[in-house]
């Protein structure tokens, strides 16, 4: 019940709420993600750089695959589908 939820927040008289107060499962998942990031990356900039590098690498591989498919299609190779 949404009304009850907001009433409980008002009764708590807090200036902020935690994710745990809203959804326990999401709070646990968020905690695991934060731990993973802390172990895997040296900081926020490292996370962004490594994700950007991966995206660029994925884009390069995708372009190579498209180019190969176009070459094969142009060489008279039967198309699938």
C-alpha atoms as a PDB file:
ATOM      1  CA  UNK A   1       0.000   0.000   0.000  1.00  0.00           C
ATOM      2  CA  UNK A   2       1.744   3.211  -1.160  1.00  0.00           C
ATOM      3  CA  UNK A   3      -0.059   5.411   1.358  1.00  0.00           C
ATOM      4  CA  UNK A   4       1.118   3.256   4.229  1.00  0.00           C
ATOM      5  CA  UNK A   5       4.665   3.394   2.889  1.00  0.00           C
ATOM      6  CA  UNK A   6       4.700   7.203   2.913  1.00  0.00           C
ATOM      7  CA  UNK A   7       3.114   7.275   6.366  1.00  0.00           C
ATOM      8  CA  UNK A   8       5.884   5.043   7.688  1.00  0.00           C
ATOM      9  CA  UNK A   9       8.491   7.351   6.191  1.00  0.00           C
ATOM     10  CA  UNK A  10       6.849  10.356   7.800  1.00  0.00           C
ATOM     11  CA  UNK A  11       6.809   8.575  11.163  1.00  0.00           C
ATOM     12  CA  UNK A  12      10.498   7.771  10.850  1.00  0.00           C
ATOM     13  CA  UNK A  13      11.153  11.546  10.835  1.00  0.00           C
ATOM     14  CA  UNK A  14      14.386  11.039   8.925  1.00  0.00           C
ATOM     15  CA  UNK A  15      15.983  13.459   6.513  1.00  0.00           C
ATOM     16  CA  UNK A  16      17.080  10.559   4.345  1.00  0.00           C
ATOM     17  CA  UNK A  17      16.134   6.966   3.777  1.00  0.00           C
ATOM     18  CA  UNK A  18      18.244   3.966   2.954  1.00  0.00           C
ATOM     19  CA  UNK A  19      17.738   1.563   0.110  1.00  0.00           C
ATOM     20  CA  UNK A  20      17.311  -1.133   2.755  1.00  0.00           C
ATOM     21  CA  UNK A  21      14.196   0.674   4.012  1.00  0.00           C
ATOM     22  CA  UNK A  22      12.715   0.554   0.518  1.00  0.00           C
ATOM     23  CA  UNK A  23      13.791  -2.863  -0.746  1.00  0.00           C
ATOM     24  CA  UNK A  24      15.933  -5.337   1.187  1.00  0.00           C
ATOM     25  CA  UNK A  25      16.773  -7.465  -1.881  1.00  0.00           C
ATOM     26  CA  UNK A  26      17.985  -4.464  -3.879  1.00  0.00           C
ATOM     27  CA  UNK A  27      20.008  -3.269  -0.911  1.00  0.00           C
ATOM     28  CA  UNK A  28      21.797  -6.636  -0.771  1.00  0.00           C
ATOM     29  CA  UNK A  29      22.421  -6.585  -4.528  1.00  0.00           C
ATOM     30  CA  UNK A  30      23.732  -3.017  -4.347  1.00  0.00           C
ATOM     31  CA  UNK A  31      26.076  -4.031  -1.523  1.00  0.00           C
ATOM     32  CA  UNK A  32      27.437  -6.931  -3.587  1.00  0.00           C
ATOM     33  CA  UNK A  33      27.942  -4.639  -6.585  1.00  0.00           C
ATOM     34  CA  UNK A  34      29.816  -2.104  -4.467  1.00  0.00           C
ATOM     35  CA  UNK A  35      32.042  -4.868  -3.069  1.00  0.00           C
ATOM     36  CA  UNK A  36      32.716  -6.201  -6.591  1.00  0.00           C
ATOM     37  CA  UNK A  37      33.658  -2.704  -7.782  1.00  0.00           C
ATOM     38  CA  UNK A  38      35.935  -2.187  -4.785  1.00  0.00           C
ATOM     39  CA  UNK A  39      37.777  -5.425  -5.510  1.00  0.00           C
ATOM     40  CA  UNK A  40      37.850  -5.117  -9.310  1.00  0.00           C
ATOM     41  CA  UNK A  41      38.592  -1.434  -9.933  1.00  0.00           C
ATOM     42  CA  UNK A  42      41.114   0.963  -8.416  1.00  0.00           C
ATOM     43  CA  UNK A  43      38.493   3.736  -8.346  1.00  0.00           C
ATOM     44  CA  UNK A  44      35.623   5.337 -10.245  1.00  0.00           C
ATOM     45  CA  UNK A  45      37.853   6.572 -13.074  1.00  0.00           C
ATOM     46  CA  UNK A  46      39.311   3.077 -13.542  1.00  0.00           C
ATOM     47  CA  UNK A  47      35.795   1.631 -13.753  1.00  0.00           C
ATOM     48  CA  UNK A  48      34.785   4.136 -16.447  1.00  0.00           C
ATOM     49  CA  UNK A  49      38.011   3.733 -18.443  1.00  0.00           C
ATOM     50  CA  UNK A  50      37.794  -0.043 -18.409  1.00  0.00           C
ATOM     51  CA  UNK A  51      34.121  -0.044 -19.376  1.00  0.00           C
ATOM     52  CA  UNK A  52      34.820   2.435 -22.196  1.00  0.00           C
ATOM     53  CA  UNK A  53      37.730   0.284 -23.417  1.00  0.00           C
ATOM     54  CA  UNK A  54      35.518  -2.797 -23.425  1.00  0.00           C
ATOM     55  CA  UNK A  55      32.772  -1.010 -25.353  1.00  0.00           C
ATOM     56  CA  UNK A  56      35.302   0.192 -27.914  1.00  0.00           C
ATOM     57  CA  UNK A  57      36.694  -3.340 -28.228  1.00  0.00           C
ATOM     58  CA  UNK A  58      33.171  -4.761 -28.642  1.00  0.00           C
ATOM     59  CA  UNK A  59      32.416  -2.137 -31.309  1.00  0.00           C
ATOM     60  CA  UNK A  60      35.589  -3.056 -33.217  1.00  0.00           C
ATOM     61  CA  UNK A  61      34.709  -6.758 -33.114  1.00  0.00           C
ATOM     62  CA  UNK A  62      31.159  -6.004 -34.262  1.00  0.00           C
ATOM     63  CA  UNK A  63      32.447  -3.956 -37.206  1.00  0.00           C
ATOM     64  CA  UNK A  64      34.853  -6.762 -38.182  1.00  0.00           C
ATOM     65  CA  UNK A  65      32.010  -9.283 -38.089  1.00  0.00           C
ATOM     66  CA  UNK A  66      29.771  -7.071 -40.224  1.00  0.00           C
ATOM     67  CA  UNK A  67      32.579  -6.499 -42.707  1.00  0.00           C
ATOM     68  CA  UNK A  68      33.276 -10.228 -42.969  1.00  0.00           C
ATOM     69  CA  UNK A  69      29.573 -10.975 -43.411  1.00  0.00           C
ATOM     70  CA  UNK A  70      29.345  -8.366 -46.171  1.00  0.00           C
ATOM     71  CA  UNK A  71      32.395  -9.833 -47.933  1.00  0.00           C
ATOM     72  CA  UNK A  72      30.964 -13.331 -47.715  1.00  0.00           C
ATOM     73  CA  UNK A  73      27.599 -12.145 -48.990  1.00  0.00           C
ATOM     74  CA  UNK A  74      29.280 -10.387 -51.893  1.00  0.00           C
ATOM     75  CA  UNK A  75      31.349 -13.438 -52.825  1.00  0.00           C
ATOM     76  CA  UNK A  76      28.355 -15.524 -53.778  1.00  0.00           C
ATOM     77  CA  UNK A  77      28.253 -17.450 -50.521  1.00  0.00           C
ATOM     78  CA  UNK A  78      24.648 -18.436 -49.757  1.00  0.00           C
ATOM     79  CA  UNK A  79      23.084 -16.395 -46.985  1.00  0.00           C
ATOM     80  CA  UNK A  80      21.660 -18.014 -43.902  1.00  0.00           C
ATOM     81  CA  UNK A  81      17.988 -17.431 -43.165  1.00  0.00           C
END
